[in-house]
C-alpha atoms as a PDB file:
ATOM      1  CA  UNK A   1      -0.008  -0.007  -0.010  1.00  0.00           C
ATOM      2  CA  UNK A   2       1.243   3.497  -0.819  1.00  0.00           C
ATOM      3  CA  UNK A   3       2.536   5.466   2.196  1.00  0.00           C
ATOM      4  CA  UNK A   4       0.085   8.295   1.467  1.00  0.00           C
ATOM      5  CA  UNK A   5      -2.949   5.976   1.055  1.00  0.00           C
ATOM      6  CA  UNK A   6      -4.294   6.495   4.623  1.00  0.00           C
ATOM      7  CA  UNK A   7      -4.333  10.249   4.152  1.00  0.00           C
ATOM      8  CA  UNK A   8      -6.128   9.939   0.774  1.00  0.00           C
ATOM      9  CA  UNK A   9      -8.732   7.694   2.364  1.00  0.00           C
ATOM     10  CA  UNK A  10      -9.111  10.096   5.306  1.00  0.00           C
ATOM     11  CA  UNK A  11      -9.791  12.979   2.887  1.00  0.00           C
ATOM     12  CA  UNK A  12     -12.669  11.019   1.364  1.00  0.00           C
ATOM     13  CA  UNK A  13     -14.055  10.225   4.824  1.00  0.00           C
ATOM     14  CA  UNK A  14     -13.618  13.877   5.787  1.00  0.00           C
ATOM     15  CA  UNK A  15     -15.837  14.990   2.904  1.00  0.00           C
ATOM     16  CA  UNK A  16     -18.454  12.478   4.037  1.00  0.00           C
ATOM     17  CA  UNK A  17     -18.334  13.918   7.544  1.00  0.00           C
ATOM     18  CA  UNK A  18     -18.740  17.440   6.108  1.00  0.00           C
ATOM     19  CA  UNK A  19     -21.689  16.507   3.939  1.00  0.00           C
ATOM     20  CA  UNK A  20     -23.495  14.546   6.654  1.00  0.00           C
ATOM     21  CA  UNK A  21     -23.030  17.033   9.498  1.00  0.00           C
ATOM     22  CA  UNK A  22     -26.335  17.677  11.333  1.00  0.00           C
ATOM     23  CA  UNK A  23     -26.466  21.393  10.459  1.00  0.00           C
ATOM     24  CA  UNK A  24     -25.721  21.015   6.719  1.00  0.00           C
ATOM     25  CA  UNK A  25     -28.865  21.844   4.762  1.00  0.00           C
ATOM     26  CA  UNK A  26     -27.773  23.728   1.616  1.00  0.00           C
ATOM     27  CA  UNK A  27     -24.996  23.906  -0.945  1.00  0.00           C
ATOM     28  CA  UNK A  28     -23.725  26.963   0.865  1.00  0.00           C
ATOM     29  CA  UNK A  29     -23.357  24.909   4.061  1.00  0.00           C
ATOM     30  CA  UNK A  30     -21.363  22.285   2.106  1.00  0.00           C
ATOM     31  CA  UNK A  31     -19.135  24.967   0.537  1.00  0.00           C
ATOM     32  CA  UNK A  32     -18.465  26.469   3.952  1.00  0.00           C
ATOM     33  CA  UNK A  33     -17.625  23.031   5.263  1.00  0.00           C
ATOM     34  CA  UNK A  34     -15.192  22.273   2.438  1.00  0.00           C
ATOM     35  CA  UNK A  35     -13.485  25.589   3.040  1.00  0.00           C
ATOM     36  CA  UNK A  36     -13.155  24.649   6.702  1.00  0.00           C
ATOM     37  CA  UNK A  37     -11.731  21.259   5.590  1.00  0.00           C
ATOM     38  CA  UNK A  38      -8.932  23.009   3.686  1.00  0.00           C
ATOM     39  CA  UNK A  39      -7.868  24.742   6.894  1.00  0.00           C
ATOM     40  CA  UNK A  40      -8.163  21.466   8.767  1.00  0.00           C
ATOM     41  CA  UNK A  41      -5.891  19.715   6.294  1.00  0.00           C
ATOM     42  CA  UNK A  42      -3.338  22.510   6.560  1.00  0.00           C
ATOM     43  CA  UNK A  43      -3.604  22.500  10.356  1.00  0.00           C
ATOM     44  CA  UNK A  44      -2.991  18.783  10.863  1.00  0.00           C
ATOM     45  CA  UNK A  45      -0.048  18.829   8.462  1.00  0.00           C
ATOM     46  CA  UNK A  46       1.578  21.733  10.304  1.00  0.00           C
ATOM     47  CA  UNK A  47       0.856  20.118  13.644  1.00  0.00           C
ATOM     48  CA  UNK A  48       2.197  16.802  12.419  1.00  0.00           C
ATOM     49  CA  UNK A  49       5.411  18.248  11.173  1.00  0.00           C
ATOM     50  CA  UNK A  50       5.982  19.758  14.653  1.00  0.00           C
ATOM     51  CA  UNK A  51       5.065  16.646  16.580  1.00  0.00           C
ATOM     52  CA  UNK A  52       8.653  15.491  17.116  1.00  0.00           C
ATOM     53  CA  UNK A  53       8.918  14.928  20.860  1.00  0.00           C
ATOM     54  CA  UNK A  54      12.691  14.673  20.905  1.00  0.00           C
ATOM     55  CA  UNK A  55      13.168  18.275  19.677  1.00  0.00           C
ATOM     56  CA  UNK A  56       9.835  20.049  20.223  1.00  0.00           C
ATOM     57  CA  UNK A  57       9.210  23.677  19.427  1.00  0.00           C
ATOM     58  CA  UNK A  58       6.367  26.107  19.906  1.00  0.00           C
ATOM     59  CA  UNK A  59       4.387  26.529  16.694  1.00  0.00           C
ATOM     60  CA  UNK A  60       1.302  28.532  15.791  1.00  0.00           C
ATOM     61  CA  UNK A  61      -1.258  25.803  15.105  1.00  0.00           C
ATOM     62  CA  UNK A  62      -4.392  27.968  15.021  1.00  0.00           C
ATOM     63  CA  UNK A  63      -4.771  31.070  12.895  1.00  0.00           C
ATOM     64  CA  UNK A  64      -6.561  32.642   9.949  1.00  0.00           C
ATOM     65  CA  UNK A  65      -6.008  29.587   7.714  1.00  0.00           C
ATOM     66  CA  UNK A  66      -6.050  26.804  10.280  1.00  0.00           C
ATOM     67  CA  UNK A  67      -9.078  27.645  12.368  1.00  0.00           C
ATOM     68  CA  UNK A  68     -10.427  25.317  15.048  1.00  0.00           C
ATOM     69  CA  UNK A  69     -12.119  25.366  18.428  1.00  0.00           C
ATOM     70  CA  UNK A  70     -13.912  28.683  17.940  1.00  0.00           C
ATOM     71  CA  UNK A  71     -10.541  30.424  17.883  1.00  0.00           C
ATOM     72  CA  UNK A  72     -10.441  33.997  19.087  1.00  0.00           C
ATOM     73  CA  UNK A  73      -9.195  36.465  16.402  1.00  0.00           C
ATOM     74  CA  UNK A  74      -7.575  38.520  19.211  1.00  0.00           C
ATOM     75  CA  UNK A  75      -5.452  35.567  20.379  1.00  0.00           C
ATOM     76  CA  UNK A  76      -2.152  34.153  19.158  1.00  0.00           C
ATOM     77  CA  UNK A  77      -2.048  30.402  19.898  1.00  0.00           C
ATOM     78  CA  UNK A  78       1.154  28.389  20.242  1.00  0.00           C
ATOM     79  CA  UNK A  79       1.638  24.721  21.071  1.00  0.00           C
ATOM     80  CA  UNK A  80       4.480  22.224  21.644  1.00  0.00           C
ATOM     81  CA  UNK A  81       4.411  18.514  22.332  1.00  0.00           C
ATOM     82  CA  UNK A  82       5.836  17.116  25.579  1.00  0.00           C
ATOM     83  CA  UNK A  83       6.748  13.668  26.778  1.00  0.00           C
ATOM     84  CA  UNK A  84       7.024  11.889  30.115  1.00  0.00           C
ATOM     85  CA  UNK A  85      10.320  12.060  31.959  1.00  0.00           C
ATOM     86  CA  UNK A  86      11.825  14.981  30.049  1.00  0.00           C
ATOM     87  CA  UNK A  87      12.647  18.421  31.353  1.00  0.00           C
ATOM     88  CA  UNK A  88      12.006  21.633  29.398  1.00  0.00           C
ATOM     89  CA  UNK A  89      12.848  25.335  29.586  1.00  0.00           C
ATOM     90  CA  UNK A  90      10.491  28.081  28.425  1.00  0.00           C
ATOM     91  CA  UNK A  91      12.085  31.484  27.951  1.00  0.00           C
ATOM     92  CA  UNK A  92      10.458  34.626  26.621  1.00  0.00           C
ATOM     93  CA  UNK A  93       9.844  38.310  26.710  1.00  0.00           C
ATOM     94  CA  UNK A  94       6.542  39.682  27.987  1.00  0.00           C
ATOM     95  CA  UNK A  95       5.012  42.104  25.501  1.00  0.00           C
ATOM     96  CA  UNK A  96       2.334  44.658  26.292  1.00  0.00           C
ATOM     97  CA  UNK A  97      -0.669  42.569  25.332  1.00  0.00           C
ATOM     98  CA  UNK A  98      -3.662  42.234  27.584  1.00  0.00           C
ATOM     99  CA  UNK A  99      -3.080  38.643  28.632  1.00  0.00           C
ATOM    100  CA  UNK A 100      -0.444  35.902  28.438  1.00  0.00           C
ATOM    101  CA  UNK A 101      -1.290  32.424  29.690  1.00  0.00           C
ATOM    102  CA  UNK A 102       0.177  28.937  29.763  1.00  0.00           C
ATOM    103  CA  UNK A 103      -1.559  25.573  29.997  1.00  0.00           C
ATOM    104  CA  UNK A 104      -0.165  22.045  30.340  1.00  0.00           C
ATOM    105  CA  UNK A 105      -2.466  19.328  29.032  1.00  0.00           C
ATOM    106  CA  UNK A 106      -2.737  15.541  28.955  1.00  0.00           C
ATOM    107  CA  UNK A 107      -4.343  13.380  26.270  1.00  0.00           C
ATOM    108  CA  UNK A 108      -6.082  14.965  23.339  1.00  0.00           C
ATOM    109  CA  UNK A 109      -9.468  16.192  22.198  1.00  0.00           C
ATOM    110  CA  UNK A 110     -11.600  13.696  20.268  1.00  0.00           C
ATOM    111  CA  UNK A 111     -15.263  13.159  19.563  1.00  0.00           C
ATOM    112  CA  UNK A 112     -15.468  10.976  22.685  1.00  0.00           C
ATOM    113  CA  UNK A 113     -13.162  12.651  25.219  1.00  0.00           C
ATOM    114  CA  UNK A 114     -11.588  15.951  26.171  1.00  0.00           C
ATOM    115  CA  UNK A 115      -8.013  16.638  26.992  1.00  0.00           C
ATOM    116  CA  UNK A 116      -7.287  17.078  30.707  1.00  0.00           C
ATOM    117  CA  UNK A 117      -5.741  20.275  32.032  1.00  0.00           C
ATOM    118  CA  UNK A 118      -2.830  19.490  34.348  1.00  0.00           C
ATOM    119  CA  UNK A 119      -1.765  23.086  34.982  1.00  0.00           C
ATOM    120  CA  UNK A 120      -2.928  26.552  33.928  1.00  0.00           C
ATOM    121  CA  UNK A 121      -1.444  29.881  34.912  1.00  0.00           C
ATOM    122  CA  UNK A 122      -0.796  33.353  33.496  1.00  0.00           C
ATOM    123  CA  UNK A 123       2.106  35.769  33.600  1.00  0.00           C
ATOM    124  CA  UNK A 124       1.222  36.916  37.110  1.00  0.00           C
ATOM    125  CA  UNK A 125       2.706  33.618  38.343  1.00  0.00           C
ATOM    126  CA  UNK A 126       6.093  34.410  36.730  1.00  0.00           C
ATOM    127  CA  UNK A 127       9.018  36.478  37.829  1.00  0.00           C
ATOM    128  CA  UNK A 128       9.389  39.027  35.028  1.00  0.00           C
ATOM    129  CA  UNK A 129      12.501  41.173  34.869  1.00  0.00           C
ATOM    130  CA  UNK A 130      12.663  44.895  34.226  1.00  0.00           C
ATOM    131  CA  UNK A 131      13.499  44.098  30.605  1.00  0.00           C
ATOM    132  CA  UNK A 132      10.388  41.925  30.304  1.00  0.00           C
ATOM    133  CA  UNK A 133      12.291  38.676  30.229  1.00  0.00           C
ATOM    134  CA  UNK A 134      11.013  35.562  32.043  1.00  0.00           C
ATOM    135  CA  UNK A 135      11.844  31.853  32.157  1.00  0.00           C
ATOM    136  CA  UNK A 136      10.534  28.698  33.880  1.00  0.00           C
ATOM    137  CA  UNK A 137      11.137  24.963  33.754  1.00  0.00           C
ATOM    138  CA  UNK A 138       8.805  22.007  33.307  1.00  0.00           C
ATOM    139  CA  UNK A 139       9.649  18.420  34.190  1.00  0.00           C
ATOM    140  CA  UNK A 140       9.055  15.432  36.455  1.00  0.00           C
ATOM    141  CA  UNK A 141       8.992  15.889  40.246  1.00  0.00           C
ATOM    142  CA  UNK A 142      12.418  16.633  41.711  1.00  0.00           C
ATOM    143  CA  UNK A 143      11.856  17.697  45.354  1.00  0.00           C
ATOM    144  CA  UNK A 144       9.053  17.645  47.879  1.00  0.00           C
ATOM    145  CA  UNK A 145       8.417  21.384  47.433  1.00  0.00           C
ATOM    146  CA  UNK A 146       8.262  21.425  43.593  1.00  0.00           C
ATOM    147  CA  UNK A 147       4.561  22.257  43.606  1.00  0.00           C
ATOM    148  CA  UNK A 148       5.278  25.503  45.477  1.00  0.00           C
ATOM    149  CA  UNK A 149       8.083  26.616  43.152  1.00  0.00           C
ATOM    150  CA  UNK A 150       6.725  29.151  40.639  1.00  0.00           C
ATOM    151  CA  UNK A 151       9.776  28.613  38.455  1.00  0.00           C
ATOM    152  CA  UNK A 152       9.206  24.849  38.081  1.00  0.00           C
ATOM    153  CA  UNK A 153       6.014  23.239  36.679  1.00  0.00           C
ATOM    154  CA  UNK A 154       5.685  19.552  37.564  1.00  0.00           C
ATOM    155  CA  UNK A 155       4.703  17.376  34.600  1.00  0.00           C
ATOM    156  CA  UNK A 156       2.515  14.512  35.712  1.00  0.00           C
ATOM    157  CA  UNK A 157       2.551  11.213  33.801  1.00  0.00           C
ATOM    158  CA  UNK A 158       0.610  11.383  30.586  1.00  0.00           C
ATOM    159  CA  UNK A 159       1.346  15.050  29.858  1.00  0.00           C
ATOM    160  CA  UNK A 160       1.091  15.627  26.124  1.00  0.00           C
ATOM    161  CA  UNK A 161       1.437  19.333  25.294  1.00  0.00           C
ATOM    162  CA  UNK A 162       1.862  22.917  26.436  1.00  0.00           C
ATOM    163  CA  UNK A 163      -0.294  25.714  25.036  1.00  0.00           C
ATOM    164  CA  UNK A 164       0.655  29.390  25.138  1.00  0.00           C
ATOM    165  CA  UNK A 165      -1.993  32.032  24.465  1.00  0.00           C
ATOM    166  CA  UNK A 166      -1.334  35.742  24.018  1.00  0.00           C
ATOM    167  CA  UNK A 167      -4.394  38.000  23.822  1.00  0.00           C
ATOM    168  CA  UNK A 168      -4.505  41.488  22.270  1.00  0.00           C
ATOM    169  CA  UNK A 169      -7.034  44.088  23.391  1.00  0.00           C
ATOM    170  CA  UNK A 170      -5.748  46.888  21.151  1.00  0.00           C
ATOM    171  CA  UNK A 171      -3.747  45.700  18.156  1.00  0.00           C
ATOM    172  CA  UNK A 172      -2.699  49.243  17.235  1.00  0.00           C
ATOM    173  CA  UNK A 173      -1.089  49.967  20.575  1.00  0.00           C
ATOM    174  CA  UNK A 174       0.075  46.640  22.077  1.00  0.00           C
ATOM    175  CA  UNK A 175       3.234  44.746  21.252  1.00  0.00           C
ATOM    176  CA  UNK A 176       3.496  40.969  21.054  1.00  0.00           C
ATOM    177  CA  UNK A 177       6.032  39.172  23.200  1.00  0.00           C
ATOM    178  CA  UNK A 178       8.062  36.119  22.309  1.00  0.00           C
ATOM    179  CA  UNK A 179       8.664  32.648  23.732  1.00  0.00           C
ATOM    180  CA  UNK A 180      10.783  29.591  22.912  1.00  0.00           C
ATOM    181  CA  UNK A 181      10.773  26.097  24.393  1.00  0.00           C
ATOM    182  CA  UNK A 182      13.772  23.733  24.594  1.00  0.00           C
ATOM    183  CA  UNK A 183      14.014  20.122  25.789  1.00  0.00           C
ATOM    184  CA  UNK A 184      17.029  20.233  28.130  1.00  0.00           C
ATOM    185  CA  UNK A 185      18.585  16.906  27.171  1.00  0.00           C
ATOM    186  CA  UNK A 186      18.289  17.676  23.437  1.00  0.00           C
ATOM    187  CA  UNK A 187      20.058  21.018  23.412  1.00  0.00           C
ATOM    188  CA  UNK A 188      22.997  20.853  20.998  1.00  0.00           C
ATOM    189  CA  UNK A 189      21.831  17.693  19.261  1.00  0.00           C
ATOM    190  CA  UNK A 190      20.045  17.080  15.946  1.00  0.00           C
ATOM    191  CA  UNK A 191      16.856  15.087  15.383  1.00  0.00           C
ATOM    192  CA  UNK A 192      17.175  11.599  13.923  1.00  0.00           C
ATOM    193  CA  UNK A 193      17.026  11.513  10.064  1.00  0.00           C
ATOM    194  CA  UNK A 194      13.733  10.621   8.476  1.00  0.00           C
ATOM    195  CA  UNK A 195      13.045   6.979   7.581  1.00  0.00           C
ATOM    196  CA  UNK A 196      10.474   5.304   5.399  1.00  0.00           C
ATOM    197  CA  UNK A 197       8.985   3.541   8.430  1.00  0.00           C
ATOM    198  CA  UNK A 198       8.742   6.891  10.156  1.00  0.00           C
ATOM    199  CA  UNK A 199       6.943   8.447   7.195  1.00  0.00           C
ATOM    200  CA  UNK A 200       4.479   5.528   7.141  1.00  0.00           C
ATOM    201  CA  UNK A 201       3.658   6.276  10.758  1.00  0.00           C
ATOM    202  CA  UNK A 202       3.513  10.028  10.043  1.00  0.00           C
ATOM    203  CA  UNK A 203       0.946   9.721   7.231  1.00  0.00           C
ATOM    204  CA  UNK A 204      -1.144   7.267   9.266  1.00  0.00           C
ATOM    205  CA  UNK A 205      -1.262   9.731  12.169  1.00  0.00           C
ATOM    206  CA  UNK A 206      -2.167  12.547   9.786  1.00  0.00           C
ATOM    207  CA  UNK A 207      -5.125  10.520   8.552  1.00  0.00           C
ATOM    208  CA  UNK A 208      -6.313   9.820  12.072  1.00  0.00           C
ATOM    209  CA  UNK A 209      -5.839  13.459  13.115  1.00  0.00           C
ATOM    210  CA  UNK A 210      -7.798  14.794  10.086  1.00  0.00           C
ATOM    211  CA  UNK A 211     -11.015  12.946  10.670  1.00  0.00           C
ATOM    212  CA  UNK A 212     -10.594  13.146  14.464  1.00  0.00           C
ATOM    213  CA  UNK A 213     -10.296  16.914  14.404  1.00  0.00           C
ATOM    214  CA  UNK A 214     -13.467  17.278  12.335  1.00  0.00           C
ATOM    215  CA  UNK A 215     -15.431  14.955  14.574  1.00  0.00           C
ATOM    216  CA  UNK A 216     -14.112  16.631  17.731  1.00  0.00           C
ATOM    217  CA  UNK A 217     -15.270  20.090  16.920  1.00  0.00           C
ATOM    218  CA  UNK A 218     -18.603  18.909  15.631  1.00  0.00           C
ATOM    219  CA  UNK A 219     -19.208  17.298  18.996  1.00  0.00           C
ATOM    220  CA  UNK A 220     -17.734  20.074  21.129  1.00  0.00           C
ATOM    221  CA  UNK A 221     -20.686  22.520  21.048  1.00  0.00           C
ATOM    222  CA  UNK A 222     -22.893  19.735  22.481  1.00  0.00           C
ATOM    223  CA  UNK A 223     -20.558  19.441  25.425  1.00  0.00           C
ATOM    224  CA  UNK A 224     -20.464  23.235  25.894  1.00  0.00           C
ATOM    225  CA  UNK A 225     -24.050  24.270  25.178  1.00  0.00           C
ATOM    226  CA  UNK A 226     -25.992  21.107  25.872  1.00  0.00           C
ATOM    227  CA  UNK A 227     -29.708  21.632  25.314  1.00  0.00           C
ATOM    228  CA  UNK A 228     -29.508  25.389  25.724  1.00  0.00           C
ATOM    229  CA  UNK A 229     -32.356  27.045  23.764  1.00  0.00           C
ATOM    230  CA  UNK A 230     -31.409  28.833  20.529  1.00  0.00           C
ATOM    231  CA  UNK A 231     -30.952  32.609  20.609  1.00  0.00           C
ATOM    232  CA  UNK A 232     -29.972  32.688  24.276  1.00  0.00           C
ATOM    233  CA  UNK A 233     -26.682  33.245  26.143  1.00  0.00           C
ATOM    234  CA  UNK A 234     -25.825  31.096  29.139  1.00  0.00           C
ATOM    235  CA  UNK A 235     -24.585  32.428  32.433  1.00  0.00           C
ATOM    236  CA  UNK A 236     -20.849  33.259  32.285  1.00  0.00           C
ATOM    237  CA  UNK A 237     -18.727  30.343  33.526  1.00  0.00           C
ATOM    238  CA  UNK A 238     -15.158  29.122  33.308  1.00  0.00           C
ATOM    239  CA  UNK A 239     -14.282  28.430  29.687  1.00  0.00           C
ATOM    240  CA  UNK A 240     -14.106  24.643  29.032  1.00  0.00           C
ATOM    241  CA  UNK A 241     -10.596  23.262  28.895  1.00  0.00           C
ATOM    242  CA  UNK A 242      -9.225  24.329  32.265  1.00  0.00           C
ATOM    243  CA  UNK A 243      -8.466  28.004  31.585  1.00  0.00           C
ATOM    244  CA  UNK A 244      -8.672  29.111  35.203  1.00  0.00           C
ATOM    245  CA  UNK A 245      -8.679  32.885  34.577  1.00  0.00           C
ATOM    246  CA  UNK A 246     -11.104  32.938  31.654  1.00  0.00           C
ATOM    247  CA  UNK A 247     -14.927  33.127  31.767  1.00  0.00           C
ATOM    248  CA  UNK A 248     -17.286  33.002  28.854  1.00  0.00           C
ATOM    249  CA  UNK A 249     -20.946  32.940  27.847  1.00  0.00           C
ATOM    250  CA  UNK A 250     -22.020  31.279  24.654  1.00  0.00           C
ATOM    251  CA  UNK A 251     -25.042  30.404  22.561  1.00  0.00           C
ATOM    252  CA  UNK A 252     -26.217  29.151  19.203  1.00  0.00           C
ATOM    253  CA  UNK A 253     -28.252  31.578  17.103  1.00  0.00           C
ATOM    254  CA  UNK A 254     -30.851  31.059  14.373  1.00  0.00           C
ATOM    255  CA  UNK A 255     -32.083  34.326  12.932  1.00  0.00           C
ATOM    256  CA  UNK A 256     -34.247  35.101   9.906  1.00  0.00           C
ATOM    257  CA  UNK A 257     -32.836  37.455   7.257  1.00  0.00           C
ATOM    258  CA  UNK A 258     -34.899  40.342   8.612  1.00  0.00           C
ATOM    259  CA  UNK A 259     -33.946  39.653  12.246  1.00  0.00           C
ATOM    260  CA  UNK A 260     -31.070  40.967  14.388  1.00  0.00           C
ATOM    261  CA  UNK A 261     -29.976  40.171  17.910  1.00  0.00           C
ATOM    262  CA  UNK A 262     -28.823  42.861  20.356  1.00  0.00           C
ATOM    263  CA  UNK A 263     -26.494  41.733  23.117  1.00  0.00           C
ATOM    264  CA  UNK A 264     -25.881  44.029  26.089  1.00  0.00           C
ATOM    265  CA  UNK A 265     -23.224  43.354  28.723  1.00  0.00           C
ATOM    266  CA  UNK A 266     -21.777  45.378  31.564  1.00  0.00           C
ATOM    267  CA  UNK A 267     -18.294  46.786  31.259  1.00  0.00           C
ATOM    268  CA  UNK A 268     -16.119  44.460  33.371  1.00  0.00           C
ATOM    269  CA  UNK A 269     -12.934  45.353  35.239  1.00  0.00           C
ATOM    270  CA  UNK A 270     -10.892  42.749  33.375  1.00  0.00           C
ATOM    271  CA  UNK A 271      -7.821  42.989  31.079  1.00  0.00           C
ATOM    272  CA  UNK A 272      -9.729  41.661  28.110  1.00  0.00           C
ATOM    273  CA  UNK A 273     -13.361  41.438  27.089  1.00  0.00           C
ATOM    274  CA  UNK A 274     -14.518  40.505  23.589  1.00  0.00           C
ATOM    275  CA  UNK A 275     -17.032  38.870  21.301  1.00  0.00           C
ATOM    276  CA  UNK A 276     -16.404  35.893  19.017  1.00  0.00           C
ATOM    277  CA  UNK A 277     -18.582  34.914  16.107  1.00  0.00           C
ATOM    278  CA  UNK A 278     -18.242  31.430  14.661  1.00  0.00           C
ATOM    279  CA  UNK A 279     -19.812  29.035  12.255  1.00  0.00           C
ATOM    280  CA  UNK A 280     -21.469  25.744  13.195  1.00  0.00           C
ATOM    281  CA  UNK A 281     -18.108  24.124  12.427  1.00  0.00           C
ATOM    282  CA  UNK A 282     -16.990  25.754  15.693  1.00  0.00           C
ATOM    283  CA  UNK A 283     -14.522  27.950  13.859  1.00  0.00           C
ATOM    284  CA  UNK A 284     -14.356  31.717  13.808  1.00  0.00           C
ATOM    285  CA  UNK A 285     -15.775  33.721  10.916  1.00  0.00           C
ATOM    286  CA  UNK A 286     -13.378  35.628   8.645  1.00  0.00           C
ATOM    287  CA  UNK A 287     -11.446  37.976  10.924  1.00  0.00           C
ATOM    288  CA  UNK A 288     -12.146  41.034   8.814  1.00  0.00           C
END
């Protein structure tokens, strides 16, 4: 069998998932779904090419052309894959954006399960120098007091990734920061060369990730909204996924062409407050 065969088969299954989605009623719905599929293909390829756990690096997996998970247009999302038993260093410079947060997760999102959040914190937990620089380590337990050390994040067994989110409130006035991740025992070494067996595994994982990502985000609104009536907003609550400092209110809307919805909210004393509009694919609308 050709090495790329699993990916080709997954593309055909992905189109079936798109066309049979519960909310698809018209050709326009199908077209929107196929456009979303293009970004999904691009996203899983980019994620796959950065999945090396021996030499991980932070990469921007969600953006204008790789949308997923009702991404926030005001947020820059970065991810890196982690593995049990290894130690890592994260170094960066804090910009002037409204929020900078870090999350360590275990497992993955699928149509049947959600990734577990092992740790979540923002820049207030870090020691930031006068020049804006910061650093912290992640790794297995070392000492009894590791949990109380703000400069060391304990990675529990099963940890799979770290997510870094930087949120803008005013793009014209705020400056982005920077961050890099290094696996301590891999510094100064090169990754192993590619092999045919490795490429076979890579394409098989891409195929699995492609259909899994589509099914995950089709199922996710049901976890989040449940049986909430259309054209309503739920009470604000912690955003699903373990983001301890983030609250959100969400709803699904069905309006006629001559209808509009007016949403009024109080001004809150928080660093960031915003609105996100998304399609039924649980992806943001065009940012513009």
